[in-house]
Amino acid sequence: MMMNNAIKNLLTRELPYDTIYMYRWITDAKQVLKQLCESAIEPLEYKLTADRSTIVAPSIKWKLIDTDTPIGVKMLLINKANGVASIGARRAQDDWTHWCSLPTFDEVKGETK
């Protein structure tokens, strides 16, 4: 939210009318754009588990199944006590405790599908 306020403040300022104010405005604009670019790039975070049997992404978390969790669509499902994930469609009577959406592909120019 702080970034949105910075952009709003930058864009709602009156345009500078002399060289010093123009320099300050451009400097502020560069800082906001730099922060935007840095926040948009998420580093790939993967690591192996302690027993080196699984690769995990620490920034991706399981979501607790609640009344808003979709039913009848494909997703990753797990019962935390059992510890084994599965891809499937959740039914209301299932004993899954958590879910996660499936990954998607990045659109890359020139890549054939």
Protein backbone atom coordinates (compact mmCIF):
# COMPACT_ATOMS: atom_id res chain seq x y z
CA MET A 1 0.00 0.00 0.00
CA MET A 2 2.88 2.36 0.68
CA MET A 3 3.98 2.04 -2.97
CA ASN A 4 0.48 2.98 -4.19
CA ASN A 5 0.58 6.12 -2.04
CA ALA A 6 4.00 7.05 -3.40
CA ILE A 7 2.73 6.73 -6.98
CA LYS A 8 -0.41 8.70 -6.17
CA ASN A 9 1.61 11.49 -4.52
CA LEU A 10 3.99 11.62 -7.45
CA LEU A 11 1.25 11.75 -10.07
CA THR A 12 -0.96 14.28 -8.27
CA ARG A 13 1.79 16.85 -7.70
CA GLU A 14 1.73 19.96 -9.80
CA LEU A 15 4.25 19.86 -12.60
CA PRO A 16 7.52 21.58 -11.71
CA TYR A 17 8.05 25.10 -13.02
CA ASP A 18 11.79 25.53 -12.71
CA THR A 19 14.97 23.46 -12.97
CA ILE A 20 15.35 22.62 -9.26
CA TYR A 21 11.77 21.42 -8.89
CA MET A 22 11.99 19.51 -12.19
CA TYR A 23 15.14 17.73 -10.94
CA ARG A 24 13.44 16.78 -7.65
CA TRP A 25 10.34 15.55 -9.49
CA ILE A 26 12.42 13.41 -11.86
CA THR A 27 14.50 12.04 -8.96
CA ASP A 28 11.35 11.08 -7.05
CA ALA A 29 9.87 9.49 -10.18
CA LYS A 30 13.03 7.43 -10.73
CA GLN A 31 12.95 6.16 -7.14
CA VAL A 32 9.29 5.15 -7.39
CA LEU A 33 9.86 3.36 -10.71
CA LYS A 34 12.92 1.56 -9.33
CA GLN A 35 10.94 0.32 -6.32
CA LEU A 36 8.11 -0.81 -8.59
CA CYS A 37 10.49 -2.77 -10.80
CA GLU A 38 12.23 -4.38 -7.84
CA SER A 39 8.94 -5.41 -6.23
CA ALA A 40 7.64 -6.88 -9.51
CA ILE A 41 10.59 -9.25 -9.88
CA GLU A 42 10.21 -12.21 -7.58
CA PRO A 43 13.36 -14.27 -7.19
CA LEU A 44 12.90 -17.97 -7.67
CA GLU A 45 13.13 -19.51 -4.24
CA TYR A 46 13.48 -23.25 -4.20
CA LYS A 47 15.27 -25.51 -1.79
CA LEU A 48 15.62 -29.17 -1.02
CA THR A 49 14.12 -30.58 2.15
CA ALA A 50 16.51 -31.80 4.87
CA ASP A 51 16.31 -35.40 3.63
CA ARG A 52 16.87 -34.13 0.03
CA SER A 53 13.81 -36.02 -1.21
CA THR A 54 11.68 -33.04 -2.21
CA ILE A 55 12.15 -29.60 -3.70
CA VAL A 56 9.93 -26.91 -2.16
CA ALA A 57 9.15 -23.24 -2.77
CA PRO A 58 9.09 -21.58 0.68
CA SER A 59 7.14 -18.58 -0.62
CA ILE A 60 4.21 -20.75 -1.75
CA LYS A 61 1.98 -21.82 1.14
CA TRP A 62 -0.88 -24.29 1.51
CA LYS A 63 -4.28 -22.66 2.04
CA LEU A 64 -6.58 -23.99 4.75
CA ILE A 65 -9.75 -25.53 3.34
CA ASP A 66 -12.78 -23.49 4.37
CA THR A 67 -16.25 -22.67 3.02
CA ASP A 68 -14.75 -20.49 0.24
CA THR A 69 -12.54 -23.27 -1.14
CA PRO A 70 -13.71 -24.33 -4.63
CA ILE A 71 -15.38 -27.72 -5.00
CA GLY A 72 -15.14 -29.91 -8.09
CA VAL A 73 -12.12 -28.27 -9.75
CA LYS A 74 -8.57 -29.58 -10.10
CA MET A 75 -6.07 -28.40 -7.46
CA LEU A 76 -3.32 -29.70 -5.19
CA LEU A 77 -4.82 -31.26 -2.07
CA ILE A 78 -3.28 -32.52 1.17
CA ASN A 79 -4.31 -33.85 4.54
CA LYS A 80 -1.68 -32.30 6.82
CA ALA A 81 -1.66 -35.28 9.21
CA ASN A 82 -0.98 -37.74 6.35
CA GLY A 83 1.54 -35.48 4.59
CA VAL A 84 1.02 -36.74 1.04
CA ALA A 85 -0.18 -34.28 -1.62
CA SER A 86 -2.40 -35.22 -4.53
CA ILE A 87 -3.79 -33.50 -7.61
CA GLY A 88 -7.54 -33.86 -7.76
CA ALA A 89 -10.93 -32.27 -7.44
CA ARG A 90 -12.16 -31.59 -3.92
CA ARG A 91 -15.53 -32.93 -2.83
CA ALA A 92 -17.41 -31.62 0.21
CA GLN A 93 -17.18 -34.95 2.05
CA ASP A 94 -13.39 -35.41 1.54
CA ASP A 95 -10.98 -35.21 4.48
CA TRP A 96 -8.44 -32.86 2.86
CA THR A 97 -7.23 -30.13 5.19
CA HIS A 98 -5.33 -27.81 2.80
CA TRP A 99 -5.18 -26.92 -0.89
CA CYS A 100 -3.01 -24.98 -3.36
CA SER A 101 -3.58 -23.80 -6.91
CA LEU A 102 -1.70 -25.42 -9.78
CA PRO A 103 1.21 -23.63 -11.47
CA THR A 104 0.91 -21.97 -14.87
CA PHE A 105 3.38 -21.41 -17.69
CA ASP A 106 4.96 -18.02 -18.42
CA GLU A 107 4.14 -16.78 -21.90
CA VAL A 108 7.43 -16.70 -23.79
CA LYS A 109 7.65 -15.21 -27.28
CA GLY A 110 8.61 -17.74 -29.89
CA GLU A 111 7.90 -20.73 -27.67
CA THR A 112 5.74 -23.38 -29.30
CA LYS A 113 2.98 -24.93 -27.26
